[in-house]
N, C-alpha and C. Protein backbone atom coordinates (compact mmCIF):
# COMPACT_ATOMS: atom_id res chain seq x y z
N UNK A 1 0.22 119.46 204.94
CA UNK A 1 -1.24 119.49 205.10
C UNK A 1 -1.74 118.26 205.85
N UNK A 2 -1.19 117.09 205.48
CA UNK A 2 -1.62 115.86 206.15
C UNK A 2 -1.26 115.89 207.64
N UNK A 3 -0.05 116.42 207.93
CA UNK A 3 0.37 116.52 209.33
C UNK A 3 -0.58 117.42 210.11
N UNK A 4 -0.98 118.52 209.48
CA UNK A 4 -1.92 119.44 210.13
C UNK A 4 -3.26 118.76 210.38
N UNK A 5 -3.72 117.97 209.39
CA UNK A 5 -5.00 117.26 209.52
C UNK A 5 -4.94 116.26 210.67
N UNK A 6 -3.82 115.54 210.76
CA UNK A 6 -3.66 114.57 211.85
C UNK A 6 -3.64 115.28 213.19
N UNK A 7 -2.87 116.39 213.28
CA UNK A 7 -2.78 117.14 214.53
C UNK A 7 -4.15 117.66 214.95
N UNK A 8 -4.91 118.17 213.97
CA UNK A 8 -6.24 118.70 214.27
C UNK A 8 -7.16 117.62 214.81
N UNK A 9 -7.12 116.44 214.19
CA UNK A 9 -7.98 115.35 214.64
C UNK A 9 -7.58 114.85 216.02
N UNK A 10 -6.28 114.79 216.28
CA UNK A 10 -5.82 114.39 217.61
C UNK A 10 -6.28 115.39 218.65
N UNK A 11 -6.18 116.67 218.33
CA UNK A 11 -6.61 117.71 219.25
C UNK A 11 -8.10 117.62 219.53
N UNK A 12 -8.89 117.35 218.48
CA UNK A 12 -10.33 117.23 218.65
C UNK A 12 -10.68 116.02 219.50
N UNK A 13 -9.98 114.90 219.27
CA UNK A 13 -10.23 113.70 220.06
C UNK A 13 -9.85 113.91 221.51
N UNK A 14 -8.75 114.61 221.74
CA UNK A 14 -8.32 114.90 223.11
C UNK A 14 -9.34 115.77 223.81
N UNK A 15 -9.84 116.78 223.12
CA UNK A 15 -10.86 117.66 223.70
C UNK A 15 -12.13 116.89 224.00
N UNK A 16 -12.52 115.99 223.09
CA UNK A 16 -13.73 115.19 223.30
C UNK A 16 -13.58 114.28 224.51
N UNK A 17 -12.40 113.67 224.66
CA UNK A 17 -12.15 112.80 225.81
C UNK A 17 -12.19 113.59 227.11
N UNK A 18 -11.59 114.80 227.07
CA UNK A 18 -11.59 115.64 228.26
C UNK A 18 -13.00 116.03 228.65
N UNK A 19 -13.83 116.35 227.65
CA UNK A 19 -15.22 116.71 227.93
C UNK A 19 -15.98 115.53 228.52
N UNK A 20 -15.71 114.33 227.99
CA UNK A 20 -16.39 113.14 228.50
C UNK A 20 -16.00 112.87 229.95
N UNK A 21 -14.71 113.09 230.27
CA UNK A 21 -14.24 112.85 231.62
C UNK A 21 -14.85 113.83 232.61
N UNK A 22 -15.27 115.00 232.14
CA UNK A 22 -15.85 116.02 233.01
C UNK A 22 -17.37 115.92 233.08
N UNK A 23 -17.92 114.84 232.60
CA UNK A 23 -19.37 114.68 232.59
C UNK A 23 -19.91 114.48 234.00
N UNK A 24 -20.96 115.22 234.39
CA UNK A 24 -21.57 115.03 235.71
C UNK A 24 -22.14 113.62 235.87
N UNK A 25 -22.11 113.12 237.09
CA UNK A 25 -22.63 111.80 237.40
C UNK A 25 -23.72 111.94 238.46
N UNK A 26 -24.95 111.53 238.13
CA UNK A 26 -26.06 111.56 239.08
C UNK A 26 -26.06 110.28 239.90
N UNK A 27 -26.11 110.40 241.22
CA UNK A 27 -25.96 109.23 242.08
C UNK A 27 -27.25 108.79 242.77
N UNK A 28 -28.31 109.57 242.67
CA UNK A 28 -29.58 109.18 243.27
C UNK A 28 -30.64 109.07 242.18
N UNK A 29 -30.56 107.97 241.43
CA UNK A 29 -31.51 107.70 240.35
C UNK A 29 -31.90 106.23 240.43
N UNK A 30 -32.89 105.85 239.63
CA UNK A 30 -33.30 104.44 239.57
C UNK A 30 -32.13 103.56 239.14
N UNK A 31 -31.27 104.10 238.28
CA UNK A 31 -30.15 103.32 237.75
C UNK A 31 -29.00 103.20 238.74
N UNK A 32 -28.89 104.12 239.69
CA UNK A 32 -27.73 104.12 240.58
C UNK A 32 -28.07 103.82 242.04
N UNK A 33 -29.33 103.73 242.38
CA UNK A 33 -29.69 103.57 243.80
C UNK A 33 -29.17 102.26 244.37
N UNK A 34 -29.03 101.22 243.55
CA UNK A 34 -28.51 99.95 244.05
C UNK A 34 -27.02 100.00 244.34
N UNK A 35 -26.37 101.10 243.97
CA UNK A 35 -24.95 101.27 244.27
C UNK A 35 -24.73 101.78 245.69
N UNK A 36 -25.82 102.04 246.40
CA UNK A 36 -25.74 102.48 247.79
C UNK A 36 -26.00 101.30 248.73
N UNK A 37 -25.25 101.24 249.81
CA UNK A 37 -25.42 100.16 250.79
C UNK A 37 -25.61 100.77 252.18
N UNK A 38 -26.76 100.44 252.79
CA UNK A 38 -27.02 100.93 254.14
C UNK A 38 -26.04 100.29 255.12
N UNK A 39 -25.57 101.08 256.08
CA UNK A 39 -24.62 100.60 257.09
C UNK A 39 -25.24 100.78 258.47
N UNK A 40 -25.28 99.69 259.23
CA UNK A 40 -25.80 99.74 260.60
C UNK A 40 -24.63 99.94 261.55
N UNK A 41 -24.53 101.12 262.10
CA UNK A 41 -23.45 101.44 263.03
C UNK A 41 -23.83 101.10 264.46
N UNK A 42 -24.99 100.44 264.62
CA UNK A 42 -25.50 100.12 265.94
C UNK A 42 -26.69 100.98 266.27
N UNK A 43 -27.90 100.42 266.08
CA UNK A 43 -29.11 101.19 266.31
C UNK A 43 -29.44 102.16 265.20
N UNK A 44 -28.88 101.92 264.01
CA UNK A 44 -29.12 102.84 262.89
C UNK A 44 -30.53 102.68 262.34
N UNK A 45 -31.07 103.77 261.80
CA UNK A 45 -32.37 103.72 261.15
C UNK A 45 -32.26 103.12 259.76
N UNK A 46 -33.40 102.75 259.20
CA UNK A 46 -33.42 102.16 257.87
C UNK A 46 -33.33 103.25 256.79
N UNK A 47 -32.97 102.82 255.59
CA UNK A 47 -32.97 103.73 254.45
C UNK A 47 -34.11 103.33 253.51
N UNK A 48 -34.60 104.29 252.75
CA UNK A 48 -35.75 104.05 251.88
C UNK A 48 -35.61 104.86 250.60
N UNK A 49 -35.87 104.22 249.47
CA UNK A 49 -35.88 104.89 248.18
C UNK A 49 -37.31 105.09 247.74
N UNK A 50 -37.67 106.34 247.41
CA UNK A 50 -39.01 106.68 246.95
C UNK A 50 -38.95 106.91 245.45
N UNK A 51 -39.25 105.88 244.64
CA UNK A 51 -39.04 105.98 243.19
C UNK A 51 -39.92 107.01 242.50
N UNK A 52 -41.09 107.28 243.04
CA UNK A 52 -41.99 108.24 242.39
C UNK A 52 -41.43 109.66 242.41
N UNK A 53 -40.60 109.94 243.41
CA UNK A 53 -40.05 111.29 243.54
C UNK A 53 -38.53 111.34 243.48
N UNK A 54 -37.90 110.17 243.29
CA UNK A 54 -36.43 110.09 243.27
C UNK A 54 -35.82 110.71 244.52
N UNK A 55 -36.40 110.34 245.66
CA UNK A 55 -35.93 110.84 246.95
C UNK A 55 -35.41 109.67 247.79
N UNK A 56 -34.26 109.88 248.40
CA UNK A 56 -33.64 108.88 249.27
C UNK A 56 -33.81 109.35 250.71
N UNK A 57 -34.40 108.49 251.54
CA UNK A 57 -34.69 108.84 252.93
C UNK A 57 -33.84 108.00 253.87
N UNK A 58 -33.21 108.66 254.83
CA UNK A 58 -32.52 107.97 255.92
C UNK A 58 -33.34 108.20 257.18
N UNK A 59 -33.91 107.13 257.69
CA UNK A 59 -34.79 107.25 258.85
C UNK A 59 -34.01 107.37 260.15
N UNK A 60 -34.63 107.99 261.11
CA UNK A 60 -34.00 108.26 262.40
C UNK A 60 -33.55 106.97 263.08
N UNK A 61 -32.33 106.99 263.57
CA UNK A 61 -31.81 105.91 264.38
C UNK A 61 -31.45 106.44 265.76
N UNK A 62 -30.87 105.56 266.56
CA UNK A 62 -30.47 106.00 267.90
C UNK A 62 -29.34 107.01 267.82
N UNK A 63 -28.43 106.80 266.87
CA UNK A 63 -27.33 107.74 266.65
C UNK A 63 -27.11 107.90 265.15
N UNK A 64 -25.98 107.39 264.65
CA UNK A 64 -25.68 107.51 263.22
C UNK A 64 -26.49 106.54 262.38
N UNK A 65 -26.97 107.03 261.25
CA UNK A 65 -27.63 106.19 260.25
C UNK A 65 -27.18 106.68 258.88
N UNK A 66 -27.16 105.76 257.91
CA UNK A 66 -26.78 106.21 256.58
C UNK A 66 -26.42 105.10 255.63
N UNK A 67 -25.89 105.51 254.48
CA UNK A 67 -25.54 104.56 253.42
C UNK A 67 -24.26 105.03 252.73
N UNK A 68 -23.48 104.05 252.27
CA UNK A 68 -22.21 104.30 251.60
C UNK A 68 -22.35 104.01 250.12
N UNK A 69 -21.82 104.89 249.30
CA UNK A 69 -21.80 104.68 247.85
C UNK A 69 -20.68 103.70 247.52
N UNK A 70 -21.04 102.58 246.89
CA UNK A 70 -20.10 101.48 246.70
C UNK A 70 -19.14 101.67 245.52
N UNK A 71 -19.37 102.67 244.70
CA UNK A 71 -18.51 102.88 243.54
C UNK A 71 -17.73 104.18 243.65
N UNK A 72 -17.33 104.50 244.88
CA UNK A 72 -16.59 105.74 245.10
C UNK A 72 -15.27 105.77 244.35
N UNK A 73 -14.70 104.61 244.09
CA UNK A 73 -13.42 104.56 243.37
C UNK A 73 -13.55 105.07 241.94
N UNK A 74 -14.78 105.12 241.43
CA UNK A 74 -15.00 105.63 240.07
C UNK A 74 -15.21 107.14 240.04
N UNK A 75 -15.30 107.76 241.21
CA UNK A 75 -15.54 109.20 241.29
C UNK A 75 -14.21 109.95 241.39
N UNK A 76 -14.21 111.24 241.04
CA UNK A 76 -12.98 112.02 241.21
C UNK A 76 -12.63 112.17 242.68
N UNK A 77 -11.35 112.29 242.97
CA UNK A 77 -10.88 112.42 244.35
C UNK A 77 -10.55 113.86 244.70
N UNK A 78 -10.35 114.68 243.70
CA UNK A 78 -10.14 116.11 243.88
C UNK A 78 -10.57 116.80 242.59
N UNK A 79 -10.60 118.12 242.61
CA UNK A 79 -11.11 118.89 241.47
C UNK A 79 -12.53 118.41 241.11
N UNK A 80 -13.45 118.53 242.05
CA UNK A 80 -14.83 118.13 241.76
C UNK A 80 -15.80 118.94 242.62
N UNK A 81 -17.06 118.91 242.18
CA UNK A 81 -18.15 119.51 242.95
C UNK A 81 -19.22 118.46 243.22
N UNK A 82 -19.85 118.59 244.37
CA UNK A 82 -21.02 117.78 244.70
C UNK A 82 -22.18 118.74 244.92
N UNK A 83 -23.27 118.50 244.24
CA UNK A 83 -24.49 119.28 244.47
C UNK A 83 -25.60 118.32 244.89
N UNK A 84 -26.45 118.77 245.78
CA UNK A 84 -27.59 117.98 246.23
C UNK A 84 -28.58 118.87 246.94
N UNK A 85 -29.75 118.31 247.17
CA UNK A 85 -30.75 118.95 248.01
C UNK A 85 -31.04 118.03 249.18
N UNK A 86 -31.19 118.62 250.36
CA UNK A 86 -31.45 117.84 251.56
C UNK A 86 -32.46 118.55 252.43
N UNK A 87 -33.22 117.77 253.19
CA UNK A 87 -34.15 118.38 254.14
C UNK A 87 -34.28 117.52 255.38
N UNK A 88 -34.58 118.19 256.48
CA UNK A 88 -34.84 117.51 257.75
C UNK A 88 -36.33 117.22 257.84
N UNK A 89 -36.65 115.96 258.07
CA UNK A 89 -38.04 115.56 258.19
C UNK A 89 -38.47 115.44 259.65
N UNK A 90 -37.54 114.97 260.48
CA UNK A 90 -37.85 114.80 261.90
C UNK A 90 -36.53 114.67 262.66
N UNK A 91 -36.46 115.28 263.83
CA UNK A 91 -35.26 115.17 264.64
C UNK A 91 -34.67 116.52 264.99
N UNK A 92 -33.59 116.48 265.79
CA UNK A 92 -33.00 117.73 266.29
C UNK A 92 -31.49 117.76 266.11
N UNK A 93 -30.96 116.89 265.26
CA UNK A 93 -29.52 116.91 265.02
C UNK A 93 -29.27 116.94 263.52
N UNK A 94 -28.06 116.54 263.08
CA UNK A 94 -27.77 116.77 261.67
C UNK A 94 -28.58 115.87 260.75
N UNK A 95 -29.16 116.51 259.74
CA UNK A 95 -30.00 115.83 258.76
C UNK A 95 -29.25 115.55 257.48
N UNK A 96 -28.04 116.08 257.38
CA UNK A 96 -27.20 115.83 256.20
C UNK A 96 -25.75 115.76 256.63
N UNK A 97 -25.21 114.56 256.55
CA UNK A 97 -23.78 114.37 256.72
C UNK A 97 -23.24 113.81 255.42
N UNK A 98 -22.52 114.61 254.68
CA UNK A 98 -21.95 114.18 253.40
C UNK A 98 -20.46 113.92 253.61
N UNK A 99 -20.08 112.65 253.61
CA UNK A 99 -18.67 112.30 253.73
C UNK A 99 -18.09 112.12 252.33
N UNK A 100 -16.90 112.66 252.11
CA UNK A 100 -16.34 112.73 250.76
C UNK A 100 -14.82 112.61 250.82
N UNK A 101 -14.20 112.10 249.74
CA UNK A 101 -12.74 111.98 249.71
C UNK A 101 -12.07 113.32 249.41
N UNK A 102 -10.88 113.48 249.96
CA UNK A 102 -10.10 114.69 249.74
C UNK A 102 -8.71 114.28 249.25
N UNK A 103 -8.58 114.11 247.96
CA UNK A 103 -7.29 113.76 247.38
C UNK A 103 -7.04 112.28 247.21
N UNK A 104 -7.57 111.46 248.12
CA UNK A 104 -7.46 110.01 248.02
C UNK A 104 -8.57 109.37 248.84
N UNK A 105 -8.76 108.07 248.67
CA UNK A 105 -9.88 107.39 249.33
C UNK A 105 -9.67 107.22 250.82
N UNK A 106 -8.43 107.39 251.29
CA UNK A 106 -8.15 107.22 252.71
C UNK A 106 -8.30 108.53 253.50
N UNK A 107 -8.27 109.65 252.81
CA UNK A 107 -8.41 110.95 253.46
C UNK A 107 -9.80 111.51 253.14
N UNK A 108 -10.63 111.61 254.15
CA UNK A 108 -12.02 112.04 253.95
C UNK A 108 -12.40 113.09 254.98
N UNK A 109 -13.45 113.82 254.68
CA UNK A 109 -14.04 114.77 255.61
C UNK A 109 -15.56 114.65 255.50
N UNK A 110 -16.26 115.25 256.45
CA UNK A 110 -17.72 115.21 256.44
C UNK A 110 -18.28 116.62 256.51
N UNK A 111 -19.15 116.94 255.58
CA UNK A 111 -19.91 118.18 255.64
C UNK A 111 -21.16 117.93 256.47
N UNK A 112 -21.32 118.67 257.55
CA UNK A 112 -22.43 118.48 258.48
C UNK A 112 -23.39 119.66 258.38
N UNK A 113 -24.67 119.36 258.21
CA UNK A 113 -25.72 120.38 258.23
C UNK A 113 -26.67 120.10 259.39
N UNK A 114 -26.70 121.02 260.35
CA UNK A 114 -27.66 120.92 261.43
C UNK A 114 -27.20 120.10 262.61
N UNK A 115 -25.92 120.02 262.86
CA UNK A 115 -25.41 119.22 263.96
C UNK A 115 -25.46 119.93 265.30
N UNK A 116 -25.13 119.17 266.34
CA UNK A 116 -25.04 119.72 267.69
C UNK A 116 -26.30 120.48 268.11
N UNK A 117 -27.42 119.79 268.00
CA UNK A 117 -28.67 120.39 268.43
C UNK A 117 -29.48 121.01 267.32
N UNK A 118 -29.00 120.91 266.06
CA UNK A 118 -29.83 121.32 264.94
C UNK A 118 -29.38 122.51 264.13
N UNK A 119 -28.25 123.13 264.47
CA UNK A 119 -27.88 124.34 263.74
C UNK A 119 -26.45 124.39 263.22
N UNK A 120 -25.52 123.68 263.83
CA UNK A 120 -24.11 123.78 263.43
C UNK A 120 -23.91 123.23 262.02
N UNK A 121 -23.23 124.00 261.20
CA UNK A 121 -22.93 123.63 259.82
C UNK A 121 -21.44 123.86 259.57
N UNK A 122 -20.75 122.81 259.10
CA UNK A 122 -19.32 122.95 258.87
C UNK A 122 -18.68 121.64 258.50
N UNK A 123 -17.35 121.62 258.52
CA UNK A 123 -16.58 120.45 258.12
C UNK A 123 -15.98 119.75 259.34
N UNK A 124 -16.09 118.45 259.35
CA UNK A 124 -15.40 117.63 260.35
C UNK A 124 -14.50 116.64 259.60
N UNK A 125 -13.19 116.73 259.85
CA UNK A 125 -12.50 117.58 260.80
C UNK A 125 -11.35 118.31 260.09
N UNK A 126 -10.97 119.44 260.65
CA UNK A 126 -9.81 120.18 260.20
C UNK A 126 -8.82 120.26 261.36
N UNK A 127 -7.62 119.74 261.15
CA UNK A 127 -6.60 119.69 262.19
C UNK A 127 -7.12 119.03 263.46
N UNK A 128 -7.93 117.99 263.28
CA UNK A 128 -8.44 117.23 264.41
C UNK A 128 -9.64 117.83 265.10
N UNK A 129 -10.10 118.99 264.65
CA UNK A 129 -11.24 119.66 265.27
C UNK A 129 -12.49 119.49 264.41
N UNK A 130 -13.62 119.16 265.06
CA UNK A 130 -14.85 118.95 264.31
C UNK A 130 -15.53 120.27 263.99
N UNK A 131 -16.69 120.17 263.32
CA UNK A 131 -17.37 121.37 262.82
C UNK A 131 -17.79 122.33 263.92
N UNK A 132 -17.99 121.80 265.12
CA UNK A 132 -18.40 122.66 266.23
C UNK A 132 -17.22 123.43 266.82
N UNK A 133 -16.01 123.04 266.42
CA UNK A 133 -14.83 123.62 267.08
C UNK A 133 -13.77 124.13 266.13
N UNK A 134 -14.07 124.18 264.82
CA UNK A 134 -13.09 124.76 263.90
C UNK A 134 -13.69 125.96 263.16
N UNK A 135 -12.88 126.60 262.35
CA UNK A 135 -13.28 127.86 261.72
C UNK A 135 -14.37 127.71 260.68
N UNK A 136 -14.65 126.48 260.21
CA UNK A 136 -15.70 126.30 259.20
C UNK A 136 -17.09 126.30 259.81
N UNK A 137 -17.19 126.12 261.11
CA UNK A 137 -18.49 125.97 261.75
C UNK A 137 -19.26 127.28 261.89
N UNK A 138 -20.52 127.25 261.48
CA UNK A 138 -21.42 128.39 261.67
C UNK A 138 -22.76 127.87 262.15
N UNK A 139 -23.58 128.77 262.67
CA UNK A 139 -24.92 128.41 263.11
C UNK A 139 -25.92 128.84 262.04
N UNK A 140 -26.70 127.87 261.56
CA UNK A 140 -27.71 128.14 260.54
C UNK A 140 -29.07 127.67 261.05
N UNK A 141 -30.10 128.37 260.66
CA UNK A 141 -31.46 128.01 261.06
C UNK A 141 -32.08 127.13 259.97
N UNK A 142 -32.50 125.93 260.34
CA UNK A 142 -33.12 125.00 259.40
C UNK A 142 -34.55 124.70 259.84
N UNK A 143 -35.44 124.70 258.87
CA UNK A 143 -36.83 124.36 259.12
C UNK A 143 -37.10 122.93 258.67
N UNK A 144 -38.02 122.26 259.34
CA UNK A 144 -38.42 120.92 258.90
C UNK A 144 -39.15 120.99 257.57
N UNK A 145 -38.97 119.94 256.75
CA UNK A 145 -39.67 119.78 255.47
C UNK A 145 -39.39 120.91 254.48
N UNK A 146 -38.21 121.50 254.58
CA UNK A 146 -37.76 122.51 253.62
C UNK A 146 -36.51 121.98 252.93
N UNK A 147 -36.52 121.98 251.60
CA UNK A 147 -35.36 121.53 250.84
C UNK A 147 -34.29 122.61 250.83
N UNK A 148 -33.05 122.21 251.12
CA UNK A 148 -31.91 123.13 251.10
C UNK A 148 -30.92 122.68 250.02
N UNK A 149 -30.56 123.60 249.13
CA UNK A 149 -29.61 123.31 248.06
C UNK A 149 -28.19 123.46 248.59
N UNK A 150 -27.37 122.46 248.31
CA UNK A 150 -26.00 122.43 248.82
C UNK A 150 -25.03 122.24 247.65
N UNK A 151 -23.93 122.98 247.67
CA UNK A 151 -22.85 122.76 246.71
C UNK A 151 -21.53 122.70 247.47
N UNK A 152 -20.78 121.64 247.21
CA UNK A 152 -19.48 121.43 247.83
C UNK A 152 -18.43 121.37 246.73
N UNK A 153 -17.32 122.09 246.92
CA UNK A 153 -16.24 122.08 245.93
C UNK A 153 -14.94 121.65 246.61
N UNK A 154 -14.26 120.68 245.98
CA UNK A 154 -13.01 120.14 246.55
C UNK A 154 -11.89 120.30 245.53
N UNK A 155 -10.81 120.94 245.94
CA UNK A 155 -9.59 121.03 245.14
C UNK A 155 -8.42 120.66 246.06
N UNK A 156 -7.22 120.49 245.51
CA UNK A 156 -6.09 120.17 246.39
C UNK A 156 -5.78 121.24 247.42
N UNK A 157 -6.20 122.47 247.16
CA UNK A 157 -5.87 123.58 248.05
C UNK A 157 -7.02 124.03 248.93
N UNK A 158 -8.26 123.64 248.60
CA UNK A 158 -9.39 124.29 249.25
C UNK A 158 -10.63 123.41 249.25
N UNK A 159 -11.44 123.57 250.29
CA UNK A 159 -12.79 123.01 250.33
C UNK A 159 -13.76 124.16 250.55
N UNK A 160 -14.71 124.32 249.65
CA UNK A 160 -15.70 125.39 249.76
C UNK A 160 -17.10 124.79 249.75
N UNK A 161 -18.04 125.53 250.33
CA UNK A 161 -19.42 125.04 250.38
C UNK A 161 -20.39 126.21 250.34
N UNK A 162 -21.48 126.03 249.59
CA UNK A 162 -22.55 127.01 249.49
C UNK A 162 -23.85 126.39 249.97
N UNK A 163 -24.63 127.16 250.70
CA UNK A 163 -25.98 126.79 251.08
C UNK A 163 -26.91 127.73 250.33
N UNK A 164 -27.57 127.21 249.31
CA UNK A 164 -28.28 128.10 248.40
C UNK A 164 -27.25 128.95 247.67
N UNK A 165 -27.44 130.26 247.68
CA UNK A 165 -26.50 131.17 247.03
C UNK A 165 -25.43 131.69 247.98
N UNK A 166 -25.53 131.32 249.25
CA UNK A 166 -24.64 131.86 250.27
C UNK A 166 -23.43 130.96 250.49
N UNK A 167 -22.26 131.51 250.33
CA UNK A 167 -21.03 130.76 250.58
C UNK A 167 -20.75 130.75 252.07
N UNK A 168 -20.75 129.54 252.65
CA UNK A 168 -20.55 129.41 254.09
C UNK A 168 -19.14 128.96 254.46
N UNK A 169 -18.50 128.20 253.57
CA UNK A 169 -17.19 127.63 253.89
C UNK A 169 -16.20 127.98 252.79
N UNK A 170 -15.03 128.43 253.19
CA UNK A 170 -13.92 128.69 252.26
C UNK A 170 -12.65 128.33 253.01
N UNK A 171 -12.39 127.03 253.09
CA UNK A 171 -11.32 126.52 253.94
C UNK A 171 -10.10 126.08 253.12
N UNK A 172 -8.99 126.78 253.31
CA UNK A 172 -7.74 126.33 252.70
C UNK A 172 -7.26 125.08 253.43
N UNK A 173 -6.81 124.08 252.65
CA UNK A 173 -6.40 122.82 253.27
C UNK A 173 -4.95 122.46 253.01
N UNK A 174 -4.25 123.27 252.24
CA UNK A 174 -2.83 123.01 252.00
C UNK A 174 -2.08 123.09 253.33
N UNK A 175 -1.40 122.02 253.69
CA UNK A 175 -0.66 121.99 254.94
C UNK A 175 -1.51 121.74 256.17
N UNK A 176 -2.81 121.47 255.98
CA UNK A 176 -3.71 121.20 257.10
C UNK A 176 -4.04 119.71 257.15
N UNK A 177 -4.40 119.23 258.32
CA UNK A 177 -4.79 117.84 258.48
C UNK A 177 -6.30 117.72 258.29
N UNK A 178 -6.71 116.96 257.29
CA UNK A 178 -8.13 116.74 257.02
C UNK A 178 -8.48 115.31 257.41
N UNK A 179 -9.59 115.12 258.10
CA UNK A 179 -9.99 113.77 258.50
C UNK A 179 -11.41 113.75 259.01
N UNK A 180 -11.93 112.54 259.23
CA UNK A 180 -13.28 112.40 259.73
C UNK A 180 -13.29 112.43 261.26
N UNK A 181 -14.46 112.64 261.81
CA UNK A 181 -14.62 112.64 263.27
C UNK A 181 -14.69 111.20 263.77
N UNK A 182 -13.91 110.89 264.77
CA UNK A 182 -13.92 109.54 265.33
C UNK A 182 -15.21 109.29 266.10
N UNK A 183 -15.61 108.02 266.13
CA UNK A 183 -16.79 107.67 266.90
C UNK A 183 -17.94 107.16 266.05
N UNK A 184 -17.63 106.38 265.02
CA UNK A 184 -18.68 105.80 264.20
C UNK A 184 -18.62 106.17 262.74
N UNK A 185 -18.11 107.35 262.44
CA UNK A 185 -18.09 107.79 261.05
C UNK A 185 -17.12 106.96 260.21
N UNK A 186 -16.23 106.22 260.86
CA UNK A 186 -15.29 105.37 260.13
C UNK A 186 -16.01 104.35 259.25
N UNK A 187 -17.22 103.98 259.64
CA UNK A 187 -18.00 102.99 258.88
C UNK A 187 -18.60 103.58 257.61
N UNK A 188 -18.49 104.89 257.43
CA UNK A 188 -19.18 105.54 256.33
C UNK A 188 -18.24 106.21 255.32
N UNK A 189 -16.99 105.81 255.31
CA UNK A 189 -16.06 106.34 254.30
C UNK A 189 -16.08 105.42 253.08
N UNK A 190 -15.68 105.91 251.89
CA UNK A 190 -15.17 107.27 251.63
C UNK A 190 -16.24 108.24 251.13
N UNK A 191 -17.40 107.75 250.71
CA UNK A 191 -18.44 108.64 250.18
C UNK A 191 -19.78 108.15 250.69
N UNK A 192 -20.47 109.00 251.44
CA UNK A 192 -21.72 108.53 252.07
C UNK A 192 -22.65 109.68 252.40
N UNK A 193 -23.87 109.29 252.73
CA UNK A 193 -24.87 110.20 253.29
C UNK A 193 -25.27 109.65 254.65
N UNK A 194 -25.32 110.52 255.65
CA UNK A 194 -25.67 110.09 257.00
C UNK A 194 -26.55 111.13 257.69
N UNK A 195 -27.20 110.67 258.76
CA UNK A 195 -27.92 111.56 259.68
C UNK A 195 -27.59 111.12 261.10
N UNK A 196 -27.94 111.96 262.06
CA UNK A 196 -27.70 111.62 263.47
C UNK A 196 -28.99 111.84 264.26
N UNK A 197 -29.58 110.72 264.69
CA UNK A 197 -30.82 110.79 265.48
C UNK A 197 -31.86 111.68 264.80
N UNK A 198 -31.89 111.59 263.48
CA UNK A 198 -32.74 112.48 262.68
C UNK A 198 -33.13 111.77 261.39
N UNK A 199 -34.32 112.05 260.90
CA UNK A 199 -34.74 111.58 259.58
C UNK A 199 -34.45 112.66 258.56
N UNK A 200 -33.66 112.31 257.55
CA UNK A 200 -33.31 113.25 256.50
C UNK A 200 -33.66 112.70 255.13
N UNK A 201 -33.92 113.59 254.18
CA UNK A 201 -34.24 113.20 252.81
C UNK A 201 -33.27 113.89 251.86
N UNK A 202 -32.97 113.20 250.75
CA UNK A 202 -31.97 113.68 249.80
C UNK A 202 -32.46 113.46 248.38
N UNK A 203 -32.10 114.38 247.50
CA UNK A 203 -32.43 114.23 246.08
C UNK A 203 -31.42 115.01 245.25
N UNK A 204 -31.41 114.69 243.94
CA UNK A 204 -30.59 115.43 242.97
C UNK A 204 -29.12 115.51 243.38
N UNK A 205 -28.56 114.38 243.79
CA UNK A 205 -27.14 114.32 244.15
C UNK A 205 -26.31 114.08 242.89
N UNK A 206 -25.45 115.03 242.58
CA UNK A 206 -24.64 114.97 241.36
C UNK A 206 -23.19 115.29 241.69
N UNK A 207 -22.28 114.49 241.14
CA UNK A 207 -20.85 114.75 241.26
C UNK A 207 -20.33 115.21 239.90
N UNK A 208 -19.67 116.36 239.88
CA UNK A 208 -19.18 116.93 238.63
C UNK A 208 -17.67 117.16 238.70
N UNK A 209 -16.89 116.47 237.88
CA UNK A 209 -15.45 116.74 237.83
C UNK A 209 -15.20 118.16 237.33
N UNK A 210 -14.15 118.78 237.84
CA UNK A 210 -13.77 120.13 237.43
C UNK A 210 -12.44 120.09 236.68
N UNK A 211 -12.27 120.95 235.70
CA UNK A 211 -10.97 121.00 235.00
C UNK A 211 -9.89 121.51 235.93
N UNK A 212 -8.72 120.91 235.85
CA UNK A 212 -7.60 121.37 236.66
C UNK A 212 -7.08 122.68 236.09
N UNK A 213 -6.68 123.57 237.00
CA UNK A 213 -6.13 124.85 236.55
C UNK A 213 -4.79 124.62 235.87
N UNK A 214 -4.59 125.34 234.78
CA UNK A 214 -3.32 125.24 234.08
C UNK A 214 -2.21 125.88 234.91
N UNK A 215 -1.09 125.22 234.92
CA UNK A 215 0.05 125.76 235.66
C UNK A 215 0.49 127.09 235.05
N UNK A 216 0.71 128.04 235.91
CA UNK A 216 1.11 129.37 235.43
C UNK A 216 2.62 129.41 235.17
């Protein structure tokens, strides 16, 4: 009986620890906003936190503008989801560039919304090809001052993305080369928000660890 009691308590503690490890982490709050650092890639726009609405704004720069999350090492590297809302306030290029780790802090990709003139949505890069030139790229119509809900899911085998309820990306990555686009994005790894010659706003950014699938 005592052995059973000990086993039961150990199992309960293990389950509690697992649940704690899977707790979502909100990254755009009053408590976490200081964990972001603006990066000037040369002519970058300023960043602004609006505390009354919990909105993070990246103002238009000449090219890339954005901020890097300084505690990325504390976030999951795979088996996780990122949810956020983003909107274009002004400009004609991407208003949301979400750079994220894929398996380790050195391997990253960028989810682009509204690139290449305002409509291309996809991942940069897969096998060296950016969102405008790989299978993840699609053309989406975005309106100014409209919030768009985004969900990104990363596992060792796949990167998926939803815009609202619509699944736009379902990219298998096993055996594929995943990386960022060269030409400035190197300054924004491993986890960041960016825009390109555009003012973008962000809110409700949450990272949620996912349970690993049990081996069959």
